[in-house]
């Protein structure tokens, strides 16, 4: 664990966490070129947190990380993988889960153990659901997270071309859970 790590607890998101997560989303959900907040995407993620299905019909299970005062400092979601991910990894949907919506507050972003605690909890949740693998992708908006996934996943699996639009490729990783 990092030397400057926090005492972090991870639990399932409750609706009351969403207002505390909104500023964290607004820190990260920004246009890659202008830096402006992508308000429509922030709203969409909040809808997913309220259990609205995504465009693949999935309901996302969110975990939140809290510091020792109980303040929410990050979140990650997991669900069954979309078809593009199962095709890319040549896996069956039933044997894998996909990591979605990973956000940690800028104040706790690097070296404090928040991301790792969330990642480990997502892996445990996936394993408890019977999954053998965790599948991860990260688009061009978040290249600063790629080193983290290089460290915590078993293997990197190239890119899904144009996953997030023309010329917007997603780097991918796989983690064995069992």
N, C-alpha and C. Protein backbone atom coordinates (compact mmCIF):
# COMPACT_ATOMS: atom_id res chain seq x y z
N UNK A 1 0.84 -1.18 0.00
CA UNK A 1 0.00 0.00 0.00
C UNK A 1 0.89 1.25 0.00
N UNK A 2 0.48 2.32 -0.69
CA UNK A 2 1.29 3.53 -0.74
C UNK A 2 1.51 4.12 0.65
N UNK A 3 2.63 4.81 0.81
CA UNK A 3 2.97 5.40 2.10
C UNK A 3 1.96 6.45 2.55
N UNK A 4 1.39 7.20 1.63
CA UNK A 4 0.46 8.27 2.00
C UNK A 4 -0.99 7.83 1.79
N UNK A 5 -1.28 6.53 1.96
CA UNK A 5 -2.62 6.02 1.70
C UNK A 5 -3.60 6.47 2.78
N UNK A 6 -4.86 6.47 2.41
CA UNK A 6 -5.95 6.80 3.31
C UNK A 6 -6.52 5.53 3.91
N UNK A 7 -7.24 5.69 5.01
CA UNK A 7 -8.07 4.59 5.51
C UNK A 7 -9.34 4.65 4.68
N UNK A 8 -9.51 3.71 3.76
CA UNK A 8 -10.62 3.73 2.81
C UNK A 8 -11.55 2.57 3.09
N UNK A 9 -12.84 2.84 3.09
CA UNK A 9 -13.83 1.79 3.13
C UNK A 9 -14.60 1.83 1.82
N UNK A 10 -15.00 0.67 1.35
CA UNK A 10 -15.75 0.58 0.10
C UNK A 10 -17.08 -0.10 0.41
N UNK A 11 -18.13 0.47 -0.15
CA UNK A 11 -19.47 -0.07 0.06
C UNK A 11 -20.31 0.18 -1.18
N UNK A 12 -21.48 -0.41 -1.20
CA UNK A 12 -22.42 -0.19 -2.30
C UNK A 12 -22.97 1.23 -2.25
N UNK A 13 -23.10 1.84 -3.40
CA UNK A 13 -23.65 3.19 -3.51
C UNK A 13 -25.10 3.20 -3.04
N UNK A 14 -25.47 4.26 -2.35
CA UNK A 14 -26.87 4.56 -2.03
C UNK A 14 -27.21 5.89 -2.70
N UNK A 15 -28.49 6.13 -2.93
CA UNK A 15 -28.90 7.34 -3.65
C UNK A 15 -28.35 8.61 -3.03
N UNK A 16 -28.20 8.63 -1.71
CA UNK A 16 -27.68 9.81 -1.03
C UNK A 16 -26.22 10.12 -1.36
N UNK A 17 -25.51 9.17 -1.98
CA UNK A 17 -24.12 9.40 -2.38
C UNK A 17 -23.99 10.21 -3.67
N UNK A 18 -25.02 10.23 -4.46
CA UNK A 18 -24.94 10.84 -5.79
C UNK A 18 -24.57 12.32 -5.73
N UNK A 19 -25.17 13.13 -4.84
CA UNK A 19 -24.75 14.54 -4.77
C UNK A 19 -23.25 14.70 -4.43
N UNK A 20 -22.72 13.82 -3.59
CA UNK A 20 -21.29 13.90 -3.25
C UNK A 20 -20.42 13.47 -4.42
N UNK A 21 -20.93 12.61 -5.28
CA UNK A 21 -20.16 12.14 -6.44
C UNK A 21 -20.20 13.12 -7.61
N UNK A 22 -21.23 13.96 -7.67
CA UNK A 22 -21.35 14.88 -8.81
C UNK A 22 -20.12 15.76 -8.99
N UNK A 23 -19.56 16.38 -7.95
CA UNK A 23 -18.35 17.19 -8.17
C UNK A 23 -17.16 16.35 -8.67
N UNK A 24 -17.09 15.09 -8.26
CA UNK A 24 -16.02 14.21 -8.73
C UNK A 24 -16.22 13.92 -10.22
N UNK A 25 -17.45 13.64 -10.60
CA UNK A 25 -17.75 13.43 -12.03
C UNK A 25 -17.38 14.67 -12.83
N UNK A 26 -17.73 15.84 -12.31
CA UNK A 26 -17.47 17.09 -13.03
C UNK A 26 -15.96 17.37 -13.15
N UNK A 27 -15.15 16.82 -12.24
CA UNK A 27 -13.69 16.95 -12.36
C UNK A 27 -13.16 16.15 -13.55
N UNK A 28 -13.80 15.02 -13.85
CA UNK A 28 -13.24 14.08 -14.83
C UNK A 28 -13.98 14.01 -16.16
N UNK A 29 -15.26 14.25 -16.17
CA UNK A 29 -16.05 14.09 -17.39
C UNK A 29 -16.00 15.40 -18.17
N UNK A 30 -14.90 15.54 -18.89
CA UNK A 30 -14.63 16.78 -19.61
C UNK A 30 -14.24 16.48 -21.05
N UNK A 31 -14.54 17.42 -21.90
CA UNK A 31 -14.14 17.30 -23.30
C UNK A 31 -12.62 17.24 -23.36
N UNK A 32 -12.12 16.30 -24.09
CA UNK A 32 -10.67 16.07 -24.18
C UNK A 32 -9.91 17.27 -24.73
N UNK A 33 -10.55 18.03 -25.60
CA UNK A 33 -9.85 19.13 -26.28
C UNK A 33 -10.11 20.50 -25.64
N UNK A 34 -11.34 20.74 -25.17
CA UNK A 34 -11.68 22.05 -24.62
C UNK A 34 -11.58 22.10 -23.10
N UNK A 35 -11.64 20.93 -22.45
CA UNK A 35 -11.64 20.89 -21.00
C UNK A 35 -13.00 21.22 -20.38
N UNK A 36 -13.99 21.50 -21.21
CA UNK A 36 -15.32 21.81 -20.69
C UNK A 36 -16.01 20.55 -20.18
N UNK A 37 -16.79 20.71 -19.12
CA UNK A 37 -17.55 19.60 -18.55
C UNK A 37 -18.58 19.14 -19.57
N UNK A 38 -18.71 17.83 -19.75
CA UNK A 38 -19.71 17.27 -20.65
C UNK A 38 -20.95 16.98 -19.80
N UNK A 39 -21.79 18.02 -19.68
CA UNK A 39 -22.94 17.96 -18.77
C UNK A 39 -23.87 16.80 -19.08
N UNK A 40 -24.10 16.52 -20.37
CA UNK A 40 -25.01 15.43 -20.74
C UNK A 40 -24.49 14.09 -20.24
N UNK A 41 -23.18 13.91 -20.28
CA UNK A 41 -22.60 12.65 -19.81
C UNK A 41 -22.62 12.55 -18.28
N UNK A 42 -22.39 13.67 -17.60
CA UNK A 42 -22.50 13.68 -16.14
C UNK A 42 -23.91 13.25 -15.75
N UNK A 43 -24.92 13.82 -16.41
CA UNK A 43 -26.31 13.47 -16.11
C UNK A 43 -26.59 11.99 -16.39
N UNK A 44 -26.06 11.49 -17.50
CA UNK A 44 -26.25 10.09 -17.86
C UNK A 44 -25.66 9.16 -16.80
N UNK A 45 -24.46 9.48 -16.32
CA UNK A 45 -23.83 8.65 -15.28
C UNK A 45 -24.66 8.69 -14.00
N UNK A 46 -25.17 9.87 -13.65
CA UNK A 46 -26.03 9.96 -12.46
C UNK A 46 -27.29 9.11 -12.64
N UNK A 47 -27.84 9.08 -13.86
CA UNK A 47 -28.99 8.22 -14.14
C UNK A 47 -28.61 6.75 -13.95
N UNK A 48 -27.43 6.35 -14.43
CA UNK A 48 -26.96 4.97 -14.22
C UNK A 48 -26.84 4.67 -12.73
N UNK A 49 -26.38 5.64 -11.96
CA UNK A 49 -26.27 5.45 -10.51
C UNK A 49 -27.64 5.23 -9.88
N UNK A 50 -28.67 5.79 -10.51
CA UNK A 50 -30.05 5.60 -10.02
C UNK A 50 -30.70 4.37 -10.64
N UNK A 51 -29.86 3.51 -11.25
CA UNK A 51 -30.28 2.23 -11.79
C UNK A 51 -31.03 2.31 -13.11
N UNK A 52 -30.81 3.35 -13.89
CA UNK A 52 -31.35 3.40 -15.25
C UNK A 52 -30.49 2.51 -16.13
N UNK A 53 -31.09 1.78 -17.06
CA UNK A 53 -30.29 0.93 -17.95
C UNK A 53 -29.47 1.78 -18.92
N UNK A 54 -28.28 1.28 -19.27
CA UNK A 54 -27.47 1.97 -20.27
C UNK A 54 -27.91 1.55 -21.67
N UNK A 55 -27.21 2.01 -22.70
CA UNK A 55 -27.63 1.72 -24.07
C UNK A 55 -27.49 0.25 -24.43
N UNK A 56 -26.80 -0.54 -23.62
CA UNK A 56 -26.71 -1.99 -23.82
C UNK A 56 -27.73 -2.73 -22.94
N UNK A 57 -28.59 -1.96 -22.24
CA UNK A 57 -29.61 -2.56 -21.38
C UNK A 57 -29.10 -3.02 -20.02
N UNK A 58 -27.88 -2.64 -19.69
CA UNK A 58 -27.28 -3.09 -18.42
C UNK A 58 -27.66 -2.16 -17.27
N UNK A 59 -27.83 -2.75 -16.11
CA UNK A 59 -27.94 -2.00 -14.86
C UNK A 59 -26.57 -2.11 -14.20
N UNK A 60 -25.98 -0.98 -13.89
CA UNK A 60 -24.63 -0.96 -13.32
C UNK A 60 -24.69 -1.03 -11.80
N UNK A 61 -23.81 -1.83 -11.23
CA UNK A 61 -23.67 -1.92 -9.77
C UNK A 61 -22.51 -1.02 -9.37
N UNK A 62 -22.79 0.02 -8.59
CA UNK A 62 -21.76 0.99 -8.18
C UNK A 62 -21.27 0.70 -6.78
N UNK A 63 -19.96 0.83 -6.62
CA UNK A 63 -19.31 0.80 -5.32
C UNK A 63 -18.71 2.18 -5.09
N UNK A 64 -18.75 2.65 -3.85
CA UNK A 64 -18.15 3.94 -3.52
C UNK A 64 -17.06 3.74 -2.48
N UNK A 65 -16.05 4.59 -2.56
CA UNK A 65 -14.98 4.61 -1.56
C UNK A 65 -15.21 5.82 -0.67
N UNK A 66 -15.05 5.61 0.63
CA UNK A 66 -15.19 6.68 1.61
C UNK A 66 -13.92 6.78 2.43
N UNK A 67 -13.56 8.02 2.79
CA UNK A 67 -12.40 8.20 3.65
C UNK A 67 -12.79 7.94 5.10
N UNK A 68 -11.86 8.14 6.03
CA UNK A 68 -12.12 7.81 7.43
C UNK A 68 -13.17 8.70 8.09
N UNK A 69 -13.56 9.81 7.42
CA UNK A 69 -14.63 10.66 7.94
C UNK A 69 -15.98 10.29 7.34
N UNK A 70 -15.99 9.34 6.41
CA UNK A 70 -17.22 8.94 5.74
C UNK A 70 -17.48 9.70 4.45
N UNK A 71 -16.58 10.62 4.09
CA UNK A 71 -16.76 11.39 2.85
C UNK A 71 -16.51 10.49 1.64
N UNK A 72 -17.42 10.56 0.67
CA UNK A 72 -17.27 9.80 -0.57
C UNK A 72 -16.15 10.42 -1.39
N UNK A 73 -15.17 9.59 -1.79
CA UNK A 73 -14.01 10.09 -2.53
C UNK A 73 -13.82 9.42 -3.88
N UNK A 74 -14.70 8.49 -4.25
CA UNK A 74 -14.59 7.85 -5.55
C UNK A 74 -15.64 6.78 -5.75
N UNK A 75 -15.70 6.29 -6.98
CA UNK A 75 -16.65 5.22 -7.30
C UNK A 75 -16.15 4.41 -8.49
N UNK A 76 -16.64 3.20 -8.58
CA UNK A 76 -16.47 2.35 -9.76
C UNK A 76 -17.77 1.57 -9.92
N UNK A 77 -18.08 1.25 -11.16
CA UNK A 77 -19.26 0.45 -11.46
C UNK A 77 -18.83 -0.82 -12.18
N UNK A 78 -19.68 -1.82 -12.08
CA UNK A 78 -19.44 -3.09 -12.76
C UNK A 78 -20.78 -3.61 -13.27
N UNK A 79 -20.72 -4.29 -14.38
CA UNK A 79 -21.89 -4.93 -14.96
C UNK A 79 -21.42 -6.04 -15.89
N UNK A 80 -22.37 -6.73 -16.51
CA UNK A 80 -21.93 -7.71 -17.50
C UNK A 80 -21.39 -6.94 -18.70
N UNK A 81 -20.45 -7.52 -19.42
CA UNK A 81 -19.81 -6.79 -20.52
C UNK A 81 -20.73 -6.63 -21.72
N UNK A 82 -20.49 -5.55 -22.47
CA UNK A 82 -21.24 -5.38 -23.71
C UNK A 82 -20.67 -6.31 -24.78
N UNK A 83 -21.40 -6.46 -25.86
CA UNK A 83 -21.03 -7.39 -26.93
C UNK A 83 -19.67 -7.06 -27.51
N UNK A 84 -19.38 -5.78 -27.68
CA UNK A 84 -18.09 -5.38 -28.24
C UNK A 84 -16.92 -5.86 -27.37
N UNK A 85 -17.11 -5.79 -26.05
CA UNK A 85 -16.06 -6.26 -25.13
C UNK A 85 -15.93 -7.78 -25.18
N UNK A 86 -17.04 -8.52 -25.15
CA UNK A 86 -16.92 -9.98 -25.19
C UNK A 86 -16.32 -10.44 -26.52
N UNK A 87 -16.66 -9.76 -27.60
CA UNK A 87 -16.04 -10.11 -28.89
C UNK A 87 -14.55 -9.81 -28.88
N UNK A 88 -14.16 -8.65 -28.36
CA UNK A 88 -12.75 -8.26 -28.32
C UNK A 88 -11.91 -9.26 -27.53
N UNK A 89 -12.44 -9.70 -26.40
CA UNK A 89 -11.70 -10.61 -25.53
C UNK A 89 -12.00 -12.08 -25.82
N UNK A 90 -12.91 -12.34 -26.76
CA UNK A 90 -13.31 -13.71 -27.09
C UNK A 90 -13.72 -14.48 -25.84
N UNK A 91 -14.59 -13.85 -25.04
CA UNK A 91 -15.11 -14.47 -23.82
C UNK A 91 -16.62 -14.56 -23.91
N UNK A 92 -17.19 -15.39 -23.07
CA UNK A 92 -18.65 -15.46 -22.95
C UNK A 92 -19.09 -14.43 -21.93
N UNK A 93 -20.22 -13.80 -22.18
CA UNK A 93 -20.72 -12.78 -21.27
C UNK A 93 -20.88 -13.31 -19.85
N UNK A 94 -21.28 -14.56 -19.70
CA UNK A 94 -21.51 -15.13 -18.38
C UNK A 94 -20.25 -15.36 -17.56
N UNK A 95 -19.09 -15.39 -18.20
CA UNK A 95 -17.86 -15.65 -17.46
C UNK A 95 -17.09 -14.39 -17.12
N UNK A 96 -17.63 -13.22 -17.49
CA UNK A 96 -16.90 -11.96 -17.29
C UNK A 96 -17.81 -10.87 -16.77
N UNK A 97 -17.19 -9.91 -16.11
CA UNK A 97 -17.84 -8.65 -15.78
C UNK A 97 -16.96 -7.54 -16.34
N UNK A 98 -17.56 -6.37 -16.53
CA UNK A 98 -16.84 -5.24 -17.09
C UNK A 98 -16.80 -4.09 -16.09
N UNK A 99 -15.63 -3.51 -15.92
CA UNK A 99 -15.46 -2.32 -15.09
C UNK A 99 -15.96 -1.11 -15.88
N UNK A 100 -16.76 -0.29 -15.23
CA UNK A 100 -17.33 0.91 -15.86
C UNK A 100 -17.24 2.09 -14.90
N UNK A 101 -17.20 3.27 -15.42
CA UNK A 101 -17.30 4.50 -14.62
C UNK A 101 -16.40 4.52 -13.39
N UNK A 102 -15.13 4.58 -13.59
CA UNK A 102 -14.16 4.65 -12.50
C UNK A 102 -13.72 6.10 -12.30
N UNK A 103 -14.05 6.67 -11.14
CA UNK A 103 -13.71 8.06 -10.85
C UNK A 103 -13.25 8.21 -9.40
N UNK A 104 -12.15 8.91 -9.20
CA UNK A 104 -11.63 9.22 -7.87
C UNK A 104 -11.42 10.73 -7.81
N UNK A 105 -11.76 11.35 -6.68
CA UNK A 105 -11.60 12.80 -6.56
C UNK A 105 -10.15 13.19 -6.80
N UNK A 106 -9.96 14.35 -7.40
CA UNK A 106 -8.61 14.82 -7.70
C UNK A 106 -7.75 14.90 -6.45
N UNK A 107 -8.34 15.20 -5.30
CA UNK A 107 -7.59 15.31 -4.04
C UNK A 107 -7.05 13.95 -3.59
N UNK A 108 -7.65 12.88 -4.07
CA UNK A 108 -7.27 11.52 -3.65
C UNK A 108 -6.87 10.65 -4.82
N UNK A 109 -6.52 11.28 -5.95
CA UNK A 109 -6.39 10.58 -7.22
C UNK A 109 -5.17 9.68 -7.33
N UNK A 110 -4.03 10.07 -6.86
CA UNK A 110 -2.82 9.27 -7.09
C UNK A 110 -2.14 8.90 -5.77
N UNK A 111 -1.84 7.60 -5.63
CA UNK A 111 -1.00 7.14 -4.54
C UNK A 111 -1.63 7.09 -3.18
N UNK A 112 -2.94 7.25 -3.08
CA UNK A 112 -3.58 7.23 -1.77
C UNK A 112 -4.31 5.91 -1.51
N UNK A 113 -4.36 5.03 -2.52
CA UNK A 113 -4.97 3.72 -2.34
C UNK A 113 -6.46 3.65 -2.63
N UNK A 114 -7.07 4.78 -3.00
CA UNK A 114 -8.52 4.79 -3.25
C UNK A 114 -8.86 3.95 -4.48
N UNK A 115 -8.18 4.19 -5.59
CA UNK A 115 -8.44 3.43 -6.80
C UNK A 115 -8.21 1.94 -6.61
N UNK A 116 -7.13 1.61 -5.93
CA UNK A 116 -6.82 0.19 -5.70
C UNK A 116 -7.89 -0.45 -4.81
N UNK A 117 -8.35 0.24 -3.77
CA UNK A 117 -9.39 -0.31 -2.90
C UNK A 117 -10.68 -0.54 -3.69
N UNK A 118 -11.04 0.41 -4.53
CA UNK A 118 -12.23 0.24 -5.36
C UNK A 118 -12.04 -0.92 -6.34
N UNK A 119 -10.88 -0.98 -6.98
CA UNK A 119 -10.60 -2.04 -7.95
C UNK A 119 -10.69 -3.42 -7.29
N UNK A 120 -10.08 -3.56 -6.13
CA UNK A 120 -10.12 -4.84 -5.42
C UNK A 120 -11.55 -5.21 -5.03
N UNK A 121 -12.35 -4.22 -4.64
CA UNK A 121 -13.74 -4.48 -4.29
C UNK A 121 -14.55 -4.89 -5.52
N UNK A 122 -14.28 -4.26 -6.66
CA UNK A 122 -14.95 -4.63 -7.91
C UNK A 122 -14.59 -6.07 -8.28
N UNK A 123 -13.31 -6.42 -8.14
CA UNK A 123 -12.88 -7.79 -8.43
C UNK A 123 -13.59 -8.79 -7.51
N UNK A 124 -13.67 -8.47 -6.23
CA UNK A 124 -14.34 -9.36 -5.27
C UNK A 124 -15.83 -9.50 -5.62
N UNK A 125 -16.45 -8.39 -5.99
CA UNK A 125 -17.86 -8.42 -6.38
C UNK A 125 -18.05 -9.30 -7.61
N UNK A 126 -17.20 -9.13 -8.63
CA UNK A 126 -17.29 -9.95 -9.84
C UNK A 126 -17.12 -11.42 -9.53
N UNK A 127 -16.16 -11.74 -8.69
CA UNK A 127 -15.92 -13.14 -8.32
C UNK A 127 -17.13 -13.70 -7.58
N UNK A 128 -17.71 -12.90 -6.66
CA UNK A 128 -18.90 -13.33 -5.93
C UNK A 128 -20.09 -13.57 -6.88
N UNK A 129 -20.10 -12.87 -8.01
CA UNK A 129 -21.16 -13.05 -9.01
C UNK A 129 -20.89 -14.23 -9.93
N UNK A 130 -19.76 -14.92 -9.73
CA UNK A 130 -19.43 -16.09 -10.53
C UNK A 130 -18.59 -15.81 -11.75
N UNK A 131 -18.11 -14.58 -11.90
CA UNK A 131 -17.29 -14.25 -13.07
C UNK A 131 -15.87 -14.77 -12.87
N UNK A 132 -15.25 -15.14 -13.98
CA UNK A 132 -13.86 -15.59 -13.97
C UNK A 132 -12.91 -14.46 -14.34
N UNK A 133 -13.43 -13.44 -15.06
CA UNK A 133 -12.58 -12.36 -15.55
C UNK A 133 -13.24 -11.00 -15.36
N UNK A 134 -12.40 -10.01 -15.13
CA UNK A 134 -12.82 -8.62 -15.17
C UNK A 134 -12.24 -8.03 -16.45
N UNK A 135 -13.08 -7.41 -17.26
CA UNK A 135 -12.66 -6.78 -18.50
C UNK A 135 -12.70 -5.27 -18.30
N UNK A 136 -11.67 -4.58 -18.83
CA UNK A 136 -11.55 -3.14 -18.62
C UNK A 136 -11.23 -2.48 -19.96
N UNK A 137 -11.84 -1.32 -20.19
CA UNK A 137 -11.40 -0.47 -21.29
C UNK A 137 -11.37 0.95 -20.80
N UNK A 138 -10.48 1.73 -21.38
CA UNK A 138 -10.38 3.15 -21.04
C UNK A 138 -10.13 3.91 -22.33
N UNK A 139 -10.96 4.89 -22.55
CA UNK A 139 -10.89 5.66 -23.79
C UNK A 139 -9.83 6.74 -23.77
N UNK A 140 -9.74 7.47 -24.87
CA UNK A 140 -8.69 8.48 -25.03
C UNK A 140 -8.82 9.67 -24.08
N UNK A 141 -9.96 9.83 -23.43
CA UNK A 141 -10.14 10.92 -22.47
C UNK A 141 -9.34 10.69 -21.20
N UNK A 142 -9.01 9.42 -20.89
CA UNK A 142 -8.41 9.08 -19.60
C UNK A 142 -7.06 8.37 -19.71
N UNK A 143 -6.13 8.85 -20.51
CA UNK A 143 -4.84 8.14 -20.62
C UNK A 143 -4.05 8.11 -19.31
N UNK A 144 -4.34 9.04 -18.40
CA UNK A 144 -3.63 9.05 -17.12
C UNK A 144 -4.00 7.85 -16.26
N UNK A 145 -5.09 7.16 -16.58
CA UNK A 145 -5.48 5.96 -15.83
C UNK A 145 -4.85 4.69 -16.39
N UNK A 146 -4.26 4.77 -17.56
CA UNK A 146 -3.75 3.56 -18.22
C UNK A 146 -2.64 2.89 -17.43
N UNK A 147 -1.76 3.65 -16.82
CA UNK A 147 -0.70 3.07 -16.00
C UNK A 147 -1.26 2.29 -14.81
N UNK A 148 -2.33 2.81 -14.22
CA UNK A 148 -2.98 2.11 -13.12
C UNK A 148 -3.47 0.73 -13.58
N UNK A 149 -4.16 0.70 -14.71
CA UNK A 149 -4.67 -0.58 -15.21
C UNK A 149 -3.54 -1.51 -15.64
N UNK A 150 -2.44 -0.94 -16.14
CA UNK A 150 -1.27 -1.76 -16.45
C UNK A 150 -0.77 -2.48 -15.19
N UNK A 151 -0.84 -1.80 -14.05
CA UNK A 151 -0.34 -2.37 -12.79
C UNK A 151 -1.30 -3.37 -12.17
N UNK A 152 -2.61 -3.10 -12.22
CA UNK A 152 -3.56 -3.94 -11.46
C UNK A 152 -4.16 -5.08 -12.27
N UNK A 153 -4.06 -5.02 -13.59
CA UNK A 153 -4.61 -6.09 -14.42
C UNK A 153 -3.51 -7.08 -14.79
N UNK A 154 -3.92 -8.27 -15.20
CA UNK A 154 -2.96 -9.30 -15.57
C UNK A 154 -2.34 -9.06 -16.93
N UNK A 155 -3.14 -8.53 -17.85
CA UNK A 155 -2.64 -8.38 -19.21
C UNK A 155 -3.36 -7.27 -19.95
N UNK A 156 -2.63 -6.63 -20.83
CA UNK A 156 -3.17 -5.58 -21.71
C UNK A 156 -3.53 -6.26 -23.02
N UNK A 157 -4.63 -5.83 -23.64
CA UNK A 157 -5.14 -6.52 -24.83
C UNK A 157 -5.36 -5.58 -26.00
N UNK A 158 -4.49 -4.62 -26.19
CA UNK A 158 -4.60 -3.76 -27.36
C UNK A 158 -5.75 -2.78 -27.26
N UNK A 159 -6.25 -2.38 -28.41
CA UNK A 159 -7.28 -1.35 -28.48
C UNK A 159 -8.52 -1.86 -29.21
N UNK A 160 -9.67 -1.36 -28.78
CA UNK A 160 -10.89 -1.49 -29.57
C UNK A 160 -10.97 -0.22 -30.40
N UNK A 161 -10.86 -0.38 -31.69
CA UNK A 161 -10.83 0.77 -32.60
C UNK A 161 -12.19 1.47 -32.62
N UNK A 162 -12.17 2.79 -32.50
CA UNK A 162 -13.35 3.65 -32.65
C UNK A 162 -14.44 3.36 -31.62
N UNK A 163 -14.11 2.80 -30.46
CA UNK A 163 -15.13 2.47 -29.43
C UNK A 163 -15.91 3.71 -29.01
N UNK A 164 -15.24 4.83 -28.92
CA UNK A 164 -15.90 6.05 -28.44
C UNK A 164 -16.09 7.08 -29.55
N UNK A 165 -16.17 6.61 -30.78
CA UNK A 165 -16.36 7.49 -31.93
C UNK A 165 -15.17 7.42 -32.86
N UNK A 166 -15.29 8.03 -33.99
CA UNK A 166 -14.26 8.01 -35.01
C UNK A 166 -12.91 8.47 -34.45
N UNK A 167 -11.92 7.60 -34.54
CA UNK A 167 -10.57 7.91 -34.08
C UNK A 167 -10.40 7.89 -32.57
N UNK A 168 -11.43 7.50 -31.84
CA UNK A 168 -11.38 7.48 -30.37
C UNK A 168 -11.34 6.02 -29.90
N UNK A 169 -10.12 5.50 -29.80
CA UNK A 169 -9.90 4.09 -29.49
C UNK A 169 -9.82 3.87 -27.97
N UNK A 170 -10.18 2.66 -27.55
CA UNK A 170 -10.16 2.30 -26.14
C UNK A 170 -9.08 1.25 -25.89
N UNK A 171 -8.17 1.54 -24.97
CA UNK A 171 -7.18 0.56 -24.55
C UNK A 171 -7.88 -0.45 -23.64
N UNK A 172 -7.46 -1.72 -23.70
CA UNK A 172 -8.16 -2.77 -22.96
C UNK A 172 -7.23 -3.63 -22.11
N UNK A 173 -7.79 -4.17 -21.03
CA UNK A 173 -7.06 -5.03 -20.11
C UNK A 173 -7.98 -6.15 -19.63
N UNK A 174 -7.36 -7.19 -19.07
CA UNK A 174 -8.11 -8.32 -18.51
C UNK A 174 -7.47 -8.72 -17.19
N UNK A 175 -8.31 -9.08 -16.23
CA UNK A 175 -7.86 -9.52 -14.91
C UNK A 175 -8.57 -10.83 -14.58
N UNK A 176 -7.80 -11.86 -14.27
CA UNK A 176 -8.39 -13.14 -13.87
C UNK A 176 -8.85 -13.03 -12.42
N UNK A 177 -10.09 -13.46 -12.15
CA UNK A 177 -10.66 -13.32 -10.82
C UNK A 177 -10.61 -14.61 -10.02
N UNK A 178 -10.49 -15.75 -10.68
CA UNK A 178 -10.50 -17.01 -9.93
C UNK A 178 -9.26 -17.82 -10.22
